């Protein structure tokens, strides 16, 4: 019983630690996406990325002559609460984690 409890406690601590850390590239994508959305909808002041839906993939490809080194995709909520339907979010990063593109689409 103690062993099962210890394993459960360790799992909970590990999962909460992992979910608390947001990679810098993901936060950069979120901020870039927020800036782009605010140009069209100035009243929007927050984007929440669903960390459980995010796929963060290293890449070795190009768009035109621009190298793409990482792709971030997942669900993004454009309102303060999660009652709205999520939008699909895509972010392309280049060398030195430079944001090349952020894109939102309704599902």
C-alpha atoms as a PDB file:
ATOM      1  CA  UNK A   1       0.000   0.000   0.000  1.00  0.00           C
ATOM      2  CA  UNK A   2       2.784   2.436   0.887  1.00  0.00           C
ATOM      3  CA  UNK A   3       4.583   1.603  -2.338  1.00  0.00           C
ATOM      4  CA  UNK A   4       1.429   2.295  -4.384  1.00  0.00           C
ATOM      5  CA  UNK A   5       0.954   5.602  -2.580  1.00  0.00           C
ATOM      6  CA  UNK A   6       4.608   6.561  -3.164  1.00  0.00           C
ATOM      7  CA  UNK A   7       4.323   5.764  -6.878  1.00  0.00           C
ATOM      8  CA  UNK A   8       1.088   7.760  -7.148  1.00  0.00           C
ATOM      9  CA  UNK A   9       2.584  10.738  -5.294  1.00  0.00           C
ATOM     10  CA  UNK A  10       5.697  10.668  -7.475  1.00  0.00           C
ATOM     11  CA  UNK A  11       3.543  10.543 -10.623  1.00  0.00           C
ATOM     12  CA  UNK A  12       1.464  13.502  -9.505  1.00  0.00           C
ATOM     13  CA  UNK A  13       4.514  15.593  -8.654  1.00  0.00           C
ATOM     14  CA  UNK A  14       6.206  14.709 -11.958  1.00  0.00           C
ATOM     15  CA  UNK A  15       3.122  15.494 -14.030  1.00  0.00           C
ATOM     16  CA  UNK A  16       2.473  18.807 -12.278  1.00  0.00           C
ATOM     17  CA  UNK A  17       6.155  19.738 -12.714  1.00  0.00           C
ATOM     18  CA  UNK A  18       6.035  18.894 -16.428  1.00  0.00           C
ATOM     19  CA  UNK A  19       2.819  20.832 -17.018  1.00  0.00           C
ATOM     20  CA  UNK A  20       4.116  23.854 -15.110  1.00  0.00           C
ATOM     21  CA  UNK A  21       7.073  24.292 -17.459  1.00  0.00           C
ATOM     22  CA  UNK A  22       6.276  25.966 -20.755  1.00  0.00           C
ATOM     23  CA  UNK A  23       9.053  25.886 -23.350  1.00  0.00           C
ATOM     24  CA  UNK A  24      10.296  29.356 -24.263  1.00  0.00           C
ATOM     25  CA  UNK A  25       9.426  28.744 -27.918  1.00  0.00           C
ATOM     26  CA  UNK A  26       5.787  28.034 -27.020  1.00  0.00           C
ATOM     27  CA  UNK A  27       5.510  31.251 -25.012  1.00  0.00           C
ATOM     28  CA  UNK A  28       7.135  33.176 -27.876  1.00  0.00           C
ATOM     29  CA  UNK A  29       4.562  31.683 -30.267  1.00  0.00           C
ATOM     30  CA  UNK A  30       1.716  32.604 -27.901  1.00  0.00           C
ATOM     31  CA  UNK A  31       2.923  36.213 -27.618  1.00  0.00           C
ATOM     32  CA  UNK A  32       3.446  36.507 -31.375  1.00  0.00           C
ATOM     33  CA  UNK A  33      -0.020  35.100 -31.996  1.00  0.00           C
ATOM     34  CA  UNK A  34      -1.541  37.513 -29.485  1.00  0.00           C
ATOM     35  CA  UNK A  35       0.136  40.475 -31.196  1.00  0.00           C
ATOM     36  CA  UNK A  36      -1.152  39.334 -34.606  1.00  0.00           C
ATOM     37  CA  UNK A  37      -4.714  38.791 -33.350  1.00  0.00           C
ATOM     38  CA  UNK A  38      -4.759  42.147 -31.527  1.00  0.00           C
ATOM     39  CA  UNK A  39      -4.141  43.915 -34.849  1.00  0.00           C
ATOM     40  CA  UNK A  40      -7.549  42.673 -36.033  1.00  0.00           C
ATOM     41  CA  UNK A  41      -9.328  42.461 -32.664  1.00  0.00           C
ATOM     42  CA  UNK A  42      -7.893  45.069 -30.268  1.00  0.00           C
ATOM     43  CA  UNK A  43     -10.291  44.028 -27.477  1.00  0.00           C
ATOM     44  CA  UNK A  44      -8.708  40.566 -27.285  1.00  0.00           C
ATOM     45  CA  UNK A  45      -6.205  40.564 -24.459  1.00  0.00           C
ATOM     46  CA  UNK A  46      -5.439  36.905 -23.834  1.00  0.00           C
ATOM     47  CA  UNK A  47      -4.687  33.678 -25.660  1.00  0.00           C
ATOM     48  CA  UNK A  48      -4.589  30.435 -23.713  1.00  0.00           C
ATOM     49  CA  UNK A  49      -2.846  27.492 -25.304  1.00  0.00           C
ATOM     50  CA  UNK A  50      -4.117  24.070 -24.277  1.00  0.00           C
ATOM     51  CA  UNK A  51      -0.838  22.487 -23.208  1.00  0.00           C
ATOM     52  CA  UNK A  52      -2.303  18.964 -23.382  1.00  0.00           C
ATOM     53  CA  UNK A  53      -3.163  19.382 -27.061  1.00  0.00           C
ATOM     54  CA  UNK A  54       0.165  20.917 -28.115  1.00  0.00           C
ATOM     55  CA  UNK A  55       2.454  19.077 -30.482  1.00  0.00           C
ATOM     56  CA  UNK A  56       5.968  20.502 -30.482  1.00  0.00           C
ATOM     57  CA  UNK A  57       8.020  19.029 -33.302  1.00  0.00           C
ATOM     58  CA  UNK A  58      11.563  19.677 -34.429  1.00  0.00           C
ATOM     59  CA  UNK A  59      11.777  20.180 -38.173  1.00  0.00           C
ATOM     60  CA  UNK A  60      14.410  20.314 -40.862  1.00  0.00           C
ATOM     61  CA  UNK A  61      12.643  21.879 -43.807  1.00  0.00           C
ATOM     62  CA  UNK A  62      12.207  25.194 -45.595  1.00  0.00           C
ATOM     63  CA  UNK A  63       9.414  27.528 -46.591  1.00  0.00           C
ATOM     64  CA  UNK A  64      10.852  29.238 -49.634  1.00  0.00           C
ATOM     65  CA  UNK A  65      14.398  30.067 -48.552  1.00  0.00           C
ATOM     66  CA  UNK A  66      13.524  30.262 -44.841  1.00  0.00           C
ATOM     67  CA  UNK A  67      14.626  27.285 -42.757  1.00  0.00           C
ATOM     68  CA  UNK A  68      11.982  25.877 -40.396  1.00  0.00           C
ATOM     69  CA  UNK A  69      13.423  24.242 -37.276  1.00  0.00           C
ATOM     70  CA  UNK A  70      10.300  23.784 -35.132  1.00  0.00           C
ATOM     71  CA  UNK A  71       6.529  23.516 -35.550  1.00  0.00           C
ATOM     72  CA  UNK A  72       4.100  24.109 -32.670  1.00  0.00           C
ATOM     73  CA  UNK A  73       0.463  23.045 -33.175  1.00  0.00           C
ATOM     74  CA  UNK A  74      -2.454  22.774 -30.798  1.00  0.00           C
ATOM     75  CA  UNK A  75      -5.664  24.270 -29.491  1.00  0.00           C
ATOM     76  CA  UNK A  76      -5.838  27.932 -28.543  1.00  0.00           C
ATOM     77  CA  UNK A  77      -8.637  29.671 -26.678  1.00  0.00           C
ATOM     78  CA  UNK A  78      -9.050  33.289 -27.677  1.00  0.00           C
ATOM     79  CA  UNK A  79     -11.299  34.224 -24.773  1.00  0.00           C
ATOM     80  CA  UNK A  80     -10.765  34.413 -21.017  1.00  0.00           C
ATOM     81  CA  UNK A  81     -12.538  31.132 -20.301  1.00  0.00           C
ATOM     82  CA  UNK A  82     -12.631  27.766 -21.997  1.00  0.00           C
ATOM     83  CA  UNK A  83     -16.355  27.884 -22.706  1.00  0.00           C
ATOM     84  CA  UNK A  84     -15.721  28.904 -26.311  1.00  0.00           C
ATOM     85  CA  UNK A  85     -14.640  26.435 -28.952  1.00  0.00           C
ATOM     86  CA  UNK A  86     -10.885  26.287 -29.375  1.00  0.00           C
ATOM     87  CA  UNK A  87      -9.108  27.539 -32.457  1.00  0.00           C
ATOM     88  CA  UNK A  88      -6.381  25.485 -34.087  1.00  0.00           C
ATOM     89  CA  UNK A  89      -3.016  27.164 -33.619  1.00  0.00           C
ATOM     90  CA  UNK A  90       0.083  26.701 -35.775  1.00  0.00           C
ATOM     91  CA  UNK A  91       3.440  28.388 -35.246  1.00  0.00           C
ATOM     92  CA  UNK A  92       6.559  27.984 -37.376  1.00  0.00           C
ATOM     93  CA  UNK A  93       9.978  28.820 -35.949  1.00  0.00           C
ATOM     94  CA  UNK A  94      13.237  29.353 -37.782  1.00  0.00           C
ATOM     95  CA  UNK A  95      16.876  29.475 -36.726  1.00  0.00           C
ATOM     96  CA  UNK A  96      17.493  30.980 -33.301  1.00  0.00           C
ATOM     97  CA  UNK A  97      13.797  30.456 -32.444  1.00  0.00           C
ATOM     98  CA  UNK A  98      12.667  33.310 -34.702  1.00  0.00           C
ATOM     99  CA  UNK A  99       8.899  33.237 -35.274  1.00  0.00           C
ATOM    100  CA  UNK A 100       8.169  32.896 -38.987  1.00  0.00           C
ATOM    101  CA  UNK A 101       4.379  32.422 -38.855  1.00  0.00           C
ATOM    102  CA  UNK A 102       1.526  32.184 -36.395  1.00  0.00           C
ATOM    103  CA  UNK A 103      -1.837  31.043 -37.704  1.00  0.00           C
ATOM    104  CA  UNK A 104      -5.251  30.482 -36.130  1.00  0.00           C
ATOM    105  CA  UNK A 105      -8.244  28.773 -37.658  1.00  0.00           C
ATOM    106  CA  UNK A 106     -11.630  27.806 -36.283  1.00  0.00           C
ATOM    107  CA  UNK A 107     -12.228  24.080 -36.000  1.00  0.00           C
END
